[in-house]
Amino acid sequence: MLSKHGKSGRNQLEIIALDDLVPADHLVRKIESSIDFDFIYDLVEDYYCLDNGRPSVDPVVLIKMTLIQYLFGIRSMRQTIKEIETNVAYRWFLGYGLTEKIPHFSTFGKNYVRRFQDTDLFEVIFYRILQEAIDHGFVNPEVIFIDSTHVKANANKKKYVKKLVRAQTRTYQEQLHDEINQDRLANGKKALAPKTNVEVKEVKENTTDPDSGYFVKNERESVFAYSFHTGCDRNGFVLGAIVEPSNVHDSQVFSSLYDRIKLTVTQPTAVAVDAGYKTPYISKILLDDGVRPVMPYTRPQTKKGLFRKHEFVYDEYYDWYICPASETLTYRTTNREGYRQYISDPKICKDCPFLSQCTNSRNHTKQIQRHIWQAYLDEAEHLRHTEQNKIIYKQRKETIERVFADLKEKHGMRWTTLRGKRRVQMQAMLLFAAMNLKKLANWRWRNHRLTRY
């Protein structure tokens, strides 16, 4: 039978508590029962005047408004306010009644500029939520998965200027230089003097957001973007994050992120990374710390048709390489980049039947380079074949890759809404705090239900 409900309920007056309108299993209820947000008052106390000026918007409400934006993937604070105005669950979460006026969308931005801009408030909030997850036993930092993802900057890719800037030096340059000179002196070579000339390179600097970096995605597309360098545990909890321009290589940020996670969480037993981090220095950092490096296979860079480097056997005792024809390549020098150079005897090579497969050199000389920290990389390569490493590396797609997928698909971070590295770093920390908070709330809720039954 056809029924018509009509519109009479639109003007009906009812007496009901807002609490009765929010479902028991709504995410905001789970969050509210998982953590007490009153800790924020202690964090911001010094940024407010206690006995002068107009009453402020509750700082907990400010942070909760931003968490709502990131938890539910709302694109902007303006849209977030519109959602809060009509969503009873959001109003309940903020502690606002059905008819109370919600703060203007610009309120958070103004408070950021006037109060929070040069503070570590957002990182402290991130680590406070992470500590809550650690205290409940949800975080398993035994193995850390580290990677980065590119996030488009809030910038017009056609508006840029070309500039000459100083080339970024390695964070470990001084240590590398000392070990190079030790190696040269041990082999009867003169020590190298420090570089006096400043290396420069041409970069494209965006005029809308100068802090962003130019990033070539593929043959058809290039954008200005930031890199979110992130580490997580086996359960997908984010343990730390650093934002850099997208033209900064992953390996240059690794040590900073790794040290931060060690300091704020704990030292892991293994670290899994992708091919961009497979360098002698990173292998050295991990192995010197007693941490197992989990790195993938990397394709040899040798030209097609020539012998690959692994076909030349290094003899550590005599410090030379043995070629497929059983001849030796002896040490010549150690260059500024930290590579020891080994060369063959051209008198022997010119009559070798394998010459065309060995080198295209006009003077019939084969050269092989070996980094002074190559032994660390060789050990990482050896560990790659173990069953333990294979199991850990397969977990990347379930951990760090899933974190990045959720970041963009569920939490709206396909491009930044703010400009400037410091503000994007703040945005990243609040977003990852929201992701950890969501996981913490859901896990606590699930465990609570299991204990009840």
Protein backbone atom coordinates (compact mmCIF):
# COMPACT_ATOMS: atom_id res chain seq x y z
CA MET A 1 0.00 0.00 0.00
CA LEU A 2 1.33 3.42 -0.95
CA SER A 3 2.04 5.66 2.02
CA LYS A 4 2.92 9.35 2.14
CA HIS A 5 4.80 10.67 5.14
CA GLY A 6 4.22 14.34 4.46
CA LYS A 7 6.19 17.33 5.76
CA SER A 8 4.55 17.82 9.13
CA GLY A 9 7.69 16.80 11.03
CA ARG A 10 9.62 19.84 9.81
CA ASN A 11 8.03 22.25 12.28
CA GLN A 12 7.44 19.81 15.10
CA LEU A 13 8.79 20.88 18.49
CA GLU A 14 10.53 18.17 20.49
CA ILE A 15 12.47 18.10 23.74
CA ILE A 16 15.51 15.90 23.23
CA ALA A 17 19.13 15.85 24.37
CA LEU A 18 21.80 16.26 21.71
CA ASP A 19 23.53 13.24 23.22
CA ASP A 20 20.55 11.08 22.17
CA LEU A 21 21.03 12.00 18.51
CA VAL A 22 24.62 10.76 18.16
CA PRO A 23 24.94 7.02 17.39
CA ALA A 24 26.76 4.98 19.99
CA ASP A 25 29.31 3.72 17.44
CA HIS A 26 30.01 7.08 15.76
CA LEU A 27 33.73 7.86 15.40
CA VAL A 28 33.48 11.05 17.47
CA ARG A 29 32.10 9.05 20.41
CA LYS A 30 34.95 6.56 20.13
CA ILE A 31 37.48 9.40 20.09
CA GLU A 32 35.92 11.23 23.03
CA SER A 33 36.07 8.05 25.13
CA SER A 34 39.67 7.31 24.09
CA ILE A 35 41.50 10.48 25.05
CA ASP A 36 41.00 13.50 27.32
CA PHE A 37 41.67 16.65 25.31
CA ASP A 38 42.13 18.79 28.45
CA PHE A 39 45.91 18.36 28.08
CA ILE A 40 45.71 21.03 25.37
CA TYR A 41 44.91 23.71 27.98
CA ASP A 42 48.31 23.22 29.63
CA LEU A 43 50.06 23.40 26.26
CA VAL A 44 48.50 26.73 25.22
CA GLU A 45 48.33 28.46 28.60
CA ASP A 46 51.34 30.70 27.85
CA TYR A 47 49.81 31.87 24.55
CA TYR A 48 46.73 33.43 26.18
CA CYS A 49 46.27 36.32 28.61
CA LEU A 50 44.48 35.09 31.73
CA ASP A 51 43.10 38.43 33.00
CA ASN A 52 42.81 40.79 30.04
CA GLY A 53 41.14 41.06 26.62
CA ARG A 54 38.01 39.56 25.14
CA PRO A 55 37.09 35.93 25.85
CA SER A 56 38.70 33.62 23.30
CA VAL A 57 37.34 30.62 21.47
CA ASP A 58 38.10 27.54 23.54
CA PRO A 59 41.53 26.25 22.31
CA VAL A 60 40.30 22.66 22.60
CA VAL A 61 37.44 23.56 20.24
CA LEU A 62 39.96 25.05 17.79
CA ILE A 63 42.00 21.86 17.71
CA LYS A 64 38.90 19.66 17.54
CA MET A 65 37.59 21.67 14.56
CA THR A 66 40.83 20.94 12.71
CA LEU A 67 40.72 17.28 13.71
CA ILE A 68 37.19 17.05 12.27
CA GLN A 69 38.50 18.45 8.99
CA TYR A 70 41.29 15.88 8.74
CA LEU A 71 39.42 12.93 10.24
CA PHE A 72 36.64 13.15 7.66
CA GLY A 73 38.69 14.41 4.70
CA ILE A 74 36.99 17.81 4.39
CA ARG A 75 38.85 19.98 1.93
CA SER A 76 38.84 23.34 3.75
CA MET A 77 38.08 24.98 7.08
CA ARG A 78 35.31 26.98 5.43
CA GLN A 79 33.58 23.76 4.37
CA THR A 80 34.30 22.21 7.75
CA ILE A 81 32.36 24.97 9.51
CA LYS A 82 29.42 24.43 7.16
CA GLU A 83 29.48 20.71 7.97
CA ILE A 84 29.66 21.36 11.72
CA GLU A 85 26.67 23.72 11.56
CA THR A 86 24.39 20.96 10.24
CA ASN A 87 25.97 17.81 11.72
CA VAL A 88 24.77 16.97 15.24
CA ALA A 89 27.67 14.55 15.81
CA TYR A 90 30.22 17.26 15.09
CA ARG A 91 28.38 19.70 17.36
CA TRP A 92 28.32 17.08 20.12
CA PHE A 93 32.07 16.51 19.69
CA LEU A 94 32.76 20.24 20.08
CA GLY A 95 30.33 20.59 22.95
CA TYR A 96 28.05 23.01 21.06
CA GLY A 97 24.26 22.92 21.28
CA LEU A 98 21.90 22.78 18.29
CA THR A 99 21.41 26.55 18.19
CA GLU A 100 24.84 27.80 19.32
CA LYS A 101 26.79 29.81 16.78
CA ILE A 102 29.85 28.00 15.44
CA PRO A 103 33.10 30.07 15.25
CA HIS A 104 33.92 31.69 11.90
CA PHE A 105 36.08 29.63 9.53
CA SER A 106 38.92 32.19 9.75
CA THR A 107 39.23 31.78 13.53
CA PHE A 108 41.77 28.94 13.37
CA GLY A 109 43.88 30.77 10.76
CA LYS A 110 43.98 33.95 12.84
CA ASN A 111 44.90 32.02 15.98
CA TYR A 112 47.64 30.22 14.06
CA VAL A 113 49.17 33.51 12.86
CA ARG A 114 48.85 35.32 16.19
CA ARG A 115 49.52 32.53 18.68
CA PHE A 116 50.75 29.21 17.33
CA GLN A 117 52.88 30.05 14.28
CA ASP A 118 56.38 29.63 15.73
CA THR A 119 55.53 27.01 18.35
CA ASP A 120 55.80 23.24 18.49
CA LEU A 121 52.17 22.89 19.65
CA PHE A 122 51.07 20.63 16.80
CA GLU A 123 54.03 18.28 17.12
CA VAL A 124 53.41 18.04 20.86
CA ILE A 125 49.76 17.14 20.19
CA PHE A 126 50.88 14.52 17.65
CA TYR A 127 53.29 12.89 20.11
CA ARG A 128 50.76 13.09 22.96
CA ILE A 129 48.27 11.06 20.91
CA LEU A 130 51.02 8.67 19.82
CA GLN A 131 52.04 8.17 23.45
CA GLU A 132 48.44 7.31 24.30
CA ALA A 133 48.55 4.55 21.66
CA ILE A 134 51.92 3.34 23.01
CA ASP A 135 50.58 3.23 26.57
CA HIS A 136 47.69 1.00 25.43
CA GLY A 137 50.12 -1.40 23.72
CA PHE A 138 48.90 -0.69 20.20
CA VAL A 139 52.25 0.49 18.81
CA ASN A 140 54.86 -2.08 17.80
CA PRO A 141 58.04 -0.15 16.90
CA GLU A 142 60.22 -3.25 16.62
CA VAL A 143 60.22 -2.76 12.83
CA ILE A 144 59.94 0.71 11.31
CA PHE A 145 58.86 1.33 7.73
CA ILE A 146 60.19 4.59 6.24
CA ASP A 147 59.23 6.16 2.92
CA SER A 148 58.05 9.43 1.40
CA THR A 149 55.16 10.56 -0.76
CA HIS A 150 54.75 13.66 -2.89
CA VAL A 151 51.87 16.02 -2.12
CA LYS A 152 51.07 18.79 -4.58
CA ALA A 153 51.71 22.29 -3.31
CA ASN A 154 49.06 24.98 -3.26
CA ALA A 155 50.83 26.75 -6.10
CA ASN A 156 50.41 27.51 -9.79
CA LYS A 157 52.92 25.32 -11.63
CA LYS A 158 53.23 27.89 -14.43
CA LYS A 159 54.36 30.70 -12.14
CA TYR A 160 58.06 30.28 -11.42
CA VAL A 161 61.46 31.87 -11.88
CA LYS A 162 64.77 30.16 -12.53
CA LYS A 163 67.41 30.79 -9.88
CA LEU A 164 70.94 29.71 -9.13
CA VAL A 165 71.16 28.33 -5.60
CA ARG A 166 73.84 26.66 -3.56
CA ALA A 167 73.81 22.90 -4.02
CA GLN A 168 72.73 21.05 -0.89
CA THR A 169 75.63 19.33 0.85
CA ARG A 170 75.40 15.89 2.41
CA THR A 171 74.66 15.86 6.12
CA TYR A 172 77.57 13.46 6.56
CA GLN A 173 80.04 15.33 4.31
CA GLU A 174 82.52 16.09 7.11
CA GLN A 175 82.58 12.48 8.30
CA LEU A 176 82.98 11.23 4.72
CA HIS A 177 85.81 13.69 4.03
CA ASP A 178 87.75 12.53 7.11
CA GLU A 179 87.41 8.86 6.19
CA ILE A 180 88.42 9.56 2.58
CA ASN A 181 91.65 11.19 3.75
CA GLN A 182 92.34 8.33 6.18
CA ASP A 183 91.93 5.90 3.30
CA ARG A 184 94.16 7.93 0.97
CA LEU A 185 96.92 8.25 3.57
CA ALA A 186 96.76 4.51 4.28
CA ASN A 187 97.36 3.90 0.56
CA GLY A 188 100.22 6.40 0.21
CA LYS A 189 98.15 9.19 -1.34
CA LYS A 190 98.02 12.84 -0.29
CA ALA A 191 95.11 14.04 1.79
CA LEU A 192 92.51 16.08 -0.09
CA ALA A 193 92.03 19.69 0.96
CA PRO A 194 88.46 20.76 1.76
CA LYS A 195 86.51 22.22 -1.15
CA THR A 196 86.74 26.00 -1.35
CA ASN A 197 84.47 26.61 -4.33
CA VAL A 198 80.73 26.72 -3.77
CA GLU A 199 78.70 24.45 -6.03
CA VAL A 200 75.57 26.00 -7.48
CA LYS A 201 72.69 24.59 -9.46
CA GLU A 202 69.74 26.04 -11.35
CA VAL A 203 66.32 25.41 -9.86
CA LYS A 204 62.77 26.49 -10.60
CA GLU A 205 61.34 28.50 -7.70
CA ASN A 206 57.60 28.93 -7.55
CA THR A 207 56.49 32.52 -7.03
CA THR A 208 53.29 31.44 -5.21
CA ASP A 209 54.98 29.09 -2.74
CA PRO A 210 58.79 29.49 -2.88
CA ASP A 211 59.32 26.73 -0.30
CA SER A 212 57.88 24.02 -2.57
CA GLY A 213 60.10 22.00 -4.89
CA TYR A 214 59.83 21.25 -8.62
CA PHE A 215 58.98 17.61 -9.17
CA VAL A 216 58.76 15.72 -12.47
CA LYS A 217 56.03 13.08 -12.01
CA ASN A 218 56.26 11.51 -15.46
CA GLU A 219 56.88 12.38 -19.09
CA ARG A 220 53.67 14.39 -19.31
CA GLU A 221 53.35 16.05 -15.93
CA SER A 222 55.53 18.09 -13.61
CA VAL A 223 54.35 19.97 -10.53
CA PHE A 224 55.52 21.91 -7.51
CA ALA A 225 55.14 19.73 -4.44
CA TYR A 226 56.28 18.76 -0.97
CA SER A 227 57.58 15.39 0.19
CA PHE A 228 56.08 13.92 3.35
CA HIS A 229 58.88 11.75 4.77
CA THR A 230 57.18 9.38 7.17
CA GLY A 231 57.89 6.42 9.42
CA CYS A 232 55.31 3.97 10.77
CA ASP A 233 55.19 0.72 12.70
CA ARG A 234 53.77 -2.69 11.77
CA ASN A 235 50.29 -1.61 12.86
CA GLY A 236 50.24 1.50 10.70
CA PHE A 237 50.69 4.07 13.49
CA VAL A 238 52.70 7.05 12.24
CA LEU A 239 55.80 7.49 14.44
CA GLY A 240 57.23 10.66 12.90
CA ALA A 241 57.15 12.86 9.84
CA ILE A 242 59.29 15.56 8.22
CA VAL A 243 58.14 17.79 5.36
CA GLU A 244 60.69 18.89 2.75
CA PRO A 245 60.49 20.31 -0.79
CA SER A 246 59.96 17.53 -3.30
CA ASN A 247 63.33 18.12 -4.97
CA VAL A 248 65.18 16.99 -1.83
CA HIS A 249 66.20 13.34 -2.22
CA ASP A 250 64.84 10.76 0.22
CA SER A 251 68.32 9.69 1.34
CA GLN A 252 69.13 13.24 2.53
CA VAL A 253 66.23 13.25 4.99
CA PHE A 254 66.55 9.69 6.27
CA SER A 255 69.00 10.33 9.12
CA SER A 256 66.94 13.24 10.52
CA LEU A 257 63.72 11.19 10.51
CA TYR A 258 65.42 8.08 11.88
CA ASP A 259 67.05 10.04 14.72
CA ARG A 260 63.75 11.71 15.56
CA ILE A 261 61.94 8.38 15.83
CA LYS A 262 64.75 6.93 17.96
CA LEU A 263 64.55 9.92 20.30
CA THR A 264 60.75 10.15 20.63
CA VAL A 265 59.75 6.48 20.42
CA THR A 266 62.53 3.88 20.61
CA GLN A 267 65.32 2.31 18.59
CA PRO A 268 63.95 -0.43 16.31
CA THR A 269 65.50 -3.80 15.54
CA ALA A 270 64.89 -3.40 11.78
CA VAL A 271 64.15 -0.60 9.33
CA ALA A 272 62.48 -1.28 5.97
CA VAL A 273 63.00 1.20 3.13
CA ASP A 274 62.66 1.27 -0.65
CA ALA A 275 65.36 1.55 -3.31
CA GLY A 276 65.74 5.33 -2.89
CA TYR A 277 67.34 4.74 0.50
CA LYS A 278 69.71 1.98 -0.56
CA THR A 279 72.99 3.86 -0.11
CA PRO A 280 76.27 3.05 1.64
CA TYR A 281 75.73 5.76 4.27
CA ILE A 282 72.23 4.63 5.27
CA SER A 283 73.42 1.02 5.45
CA LYS A 284 76.27 2.21 7.68
CA ILE A 285 73.93 4.17 10.01
CA LEU A 286 71.70 1.16 10.58
CA LEU A 287 74.37 -1.51 10.92
CA ASP A 288 76.47 0.66 13.27
CA ASP A 289 73.34 0.98 15.44
CA GLY A 290 72.81 -2.78 15.40
CA VAL A 291 69.64 -2.33 13.33
CA ARG A 292 68.77 -4.73 10.52
CA PRO A 293 68.47 -2.93 7.15
CA VAL A 294 65.64 -4.25 4.97
CA MET A 295 66.29 -3.07 1.42
CA PRO A 296 65.06 -4.24 -1.99
CA TYR A 297 66.84 -5.50 -5.08
CA THR A 298 68.18 -2.75 -7.32
CA ARG A 299 68.80 -3.27 -11.00
CA PRO A 300 72.48 -2.98 -12.12
CA GLN A 301 73.30 0.23 -13.99
CA THR A 302 75.73 -1.44 -16.41
CA LYS A 303 75.19 -0.92 -20.13
CA LYS A 304 73.52 -3.77 -21.97
CA GLY A 305 75.97 -6.34 -23.34
CA LEU A 306 78.72 -5.62 -20.78
CA PHE A 307 79.75 -7.63 -17.74
CA ARG A 308 77.93 -6.55 -14.61
CA LYS A 309 79.80 -5.39 -11.54
CA HIS A 310 78.96 -8.50 -9.50
CA GLU A 311 80.81 -10.59 -12.09
CA PHE A 312 84.03 -8.92 -10.91
CA VAL A 313 85.02 -10.49 -7.57
CA TYR A 314 86.50 -8.29 -4.87
CA ASP A 315 89.41 -9.84 -2.97
CA GLU A 316 89.52 -8.10 0.40
CA TYR A 317 92.89 -9.60 1.41
CA TYR A 318 94.79 -8.25 -1.60
CA ASP A 319 92.44 -5.29 -2.09
CA TRP A 320 91.85 -5.85 -5.79
CA TYR A 321 89.15 -7.05 -8.18
CA ILE A 322 89.37 -10.23 -10.23
CA CYS A 323 87.74 -10.07 -13.64
CA PRO A 324 85.96 -12.95 -15.50
CA ALA A 325 89.24 -13.64 -17.31
CA SER A 326 90.98 -14.12 -13.92
CA GLU A 327 93.05 -10.93 -14.30
CA THR A 328 93.27 -8.27 -11.57
CA LEU A 329 92.19 -4.65 -11.30
CA THR A 330 94.40 -2.84 -8.79
CA TYR A 331 93.78 0.19 -6.58
CA ARG A 332 94.59 3.58 -8.10
CA THR A 333 93.10 6.30 -5.87
CA THR A 334 90.14 7.40 -3.71
CA ASN A 335 88.15 10.33 -5.11
CA ARG A 336 86.25 13.11 -3.34
CA GLU A 337 82.97 11.25 -3.56
CA GLY A 338 84.35 8.43 -1.41
CA TYR A 339 84.85 5.91 -4.20
CA ARG A 340 88.03 3.82 -4.43
CA GLN A 341 88.99 3.36 -8.08
CA TYR A 342 90.41 0.07 -9.41
CA ILE A 343 91.81 -0.21 -12.94
CA SER A 344 93.06 -3.00 -15.18
CA ASP A 345 96.32 -3.28 -17.11
CA PRO A 346 95.62 -2.11 -20.71
CA LYS A 347 98.52 -4.22 -22.03
CA ILE A 348 96.71 -7.36 -20.88
CA CYS A 349 93.20 -6.16 -21.71
CA LYS A 350 93.84 -5.24 -25.35
CA ASP A 351 94.33 -8.91 -26.29
CA CYS A 352 91.59 -10.27 -24.01
CA PRO A 353 88.83 -12.26 -25.79
CA PHE A 354 86.25 -10.71 -23.42
CA LEU A 355 87.26 -7.09 -24.13
CA SER A 356 84.05 -6.22 -26.00
CA GLN A 357 81.99 -7.56 -23.08
CA CYS A 358 84.12 -5.77 -20.49
CA THR A 359 84.63 -2.17 -21.58
CA ASN A 360 84.14 0.30 -24.42
CA SER A 361 87.20 2.26 -23.33
CA ARG A 362 89.43 3.43 -26.18
CA ASN A 363 92.57 2.77 -24.17
CA HIS A 364 91.41 -0.78 -23.29
CA THR A 365 91.19 -0.04 -19.56
CA LYS A 366 88.44 -1.32 -17.28
CA GLN A 367 87.64 0.77 -14.20
CA ILE A 368 85.53 -0.24 -11.19
CA GLN A 369 84.56 2.01 -8.32
CA ARG A 370 84.00 0.80 -4.76
CA HIS A 371 82.71 3.08 -2.01
CA ILE A 372 84.73 3.17 1.21
CA TRP A 373 81.50 2.11 3.01
CA GLN A 374 80.66 -0.57 0.42
CA ALA A 375 81.05 -3.34 3.00
CA TYR A 376 77.94 -2.04 4.79
CA LEU A 377 75.95 -2.06 1.55
CA ASP A 378 77.21 -5.57 0.78
CA GLU A 379 75.95 -6.76 4.17
CA ALA A 380 72.55 -5.17 3.50
CA GLU A 381 72.48 -6.97 0.15
CA HIS A 382 73.38 -10.24 1.84
CA LEU A 383 70.53 -9.80 4.35
CA ARG A 384 68.12 -9.17 1.47
CA HIS A 385 68.18 -12.87 0.64
CA THR A 386 67.16 -13.97 4.14
CA GLU A 387 63.60 -15.12 4.82
CA GLN A 388 63.19 -12.55 7.61
CA ASN A 389 63.94 -9.64 5.28
CA LYS A 390 61.61 -11.00 2.61
CA ILE A 391 58.73 -11.19 5.10
CA ILE A 392 59.37 -7.69 6.46
CA TYR A 393 59.71 -6.08 3.03
CA LYS A 394 56.40 -7.56 1.87
CA GLN A 395 54.73 -5.76 4.78
CA ARG A 396 55.51 -2.34 3.27
CA LYS A 397 52.36 -2.45 1.15
CA GLU A 398 50.29 -3.11 4.29
CA THR A 399 51.96 -0.42 6.39
CA ILE A 400 53.64 2.69 4.98
CA GLU A 401 52.03 2.39 1.55
CA ARG A 402 48.61 2.09 3.19
CA VAL A 403 49.35 5.14 5.36
CA PHE A 404 50.00 7.20 2.23
CA ALA A 405 46.92 5.80 0.48
CA ASP A 406 44.71 6.73 3.46
CA LEU A 407 46.42 10.12 3.66
CA LYS A 408 45.27 11.01 0.16
CA GLU A 409 42.08 9.03 -0.33
CA LYS A 410 40.41 9.22 3.08
CA HIS A 411 41.87 12.37 4.61
CA GLY A 412 41.97 14.75 1.66
CA MET A 413 45.72 15.34 1.35
CA ARG A 414 46.19 15.10 -2.41
CA TRP A 415 47.45 18.66 -2.30
CA THR A 416 48.19 21.09 0.50
CA THR A 417 45.78 23.86 1.44
CA LEU A 418 48.51 25.94 3.10
CA ARG A 419 51.67 27.55 1.78
CA GLY A 420 55.17 27.59 3.19
CA LYS A 421 57.19 24.71 4.61
CA ARG A 422 56.49 25.52 8.28
CA ARG A 423 52.72 25.69 7.76
CA VAL A 424 52.69 22.49 5.68
CA GLN A 425 54.72 20.77 8.42
CA MET A 426 52.07 21.87 10.90
CA GLN A 427 49.33 20.59 8.62
CA ALA A 428 51.11 17.25 8.22
CA MET A 429 51.52 16.76 11.98
CA LEU A 430 47.86 17.52 12.68
CA LEU A 431 46.77 15.22 9.87
CA PHE A 432 48.93 12.33 11.06
CA ALA A 433 47.71 13.02 14.61
CA ALA A 434 44.14 12.64 13.31
CA MET A 435 45.03 9.36 11.58
CA ASN A 436 46.64 7.96 14.73
CA LEU A 437 43.69 9.18 16.80
CA LYS A 438 41.22 7.43 14.51
CA LYS A 439 43.12 4.15 14.73
CA LEU A 440 43.53 4.50 18.50
CA ALA A 441 39.80 5.16 18.98
CA ASN A 442 38.70 2.28 16.76
CA TRP A 443 41.09 -0.19 18.40
CA ARG A 444 40.07 0.83 21.92
CA TRP A 445 36.40 0.55 20.96
CA ARG A 446 36.94 -2.90 19.46
CA ASN A 447 38.85 -4.11 22.51
CA HIS A 448 36.16 -2.72 24.81
CA ARG A 449 33.45 -4.62 22.95
CA LEU A 450 35.49 -7.84 23.01
CA THR A 451 35.96 -7.59 26.78
CA ARG A 452 32.24 -7.04 27.26
CA TYR A 453 31.36 -10.24 25.42
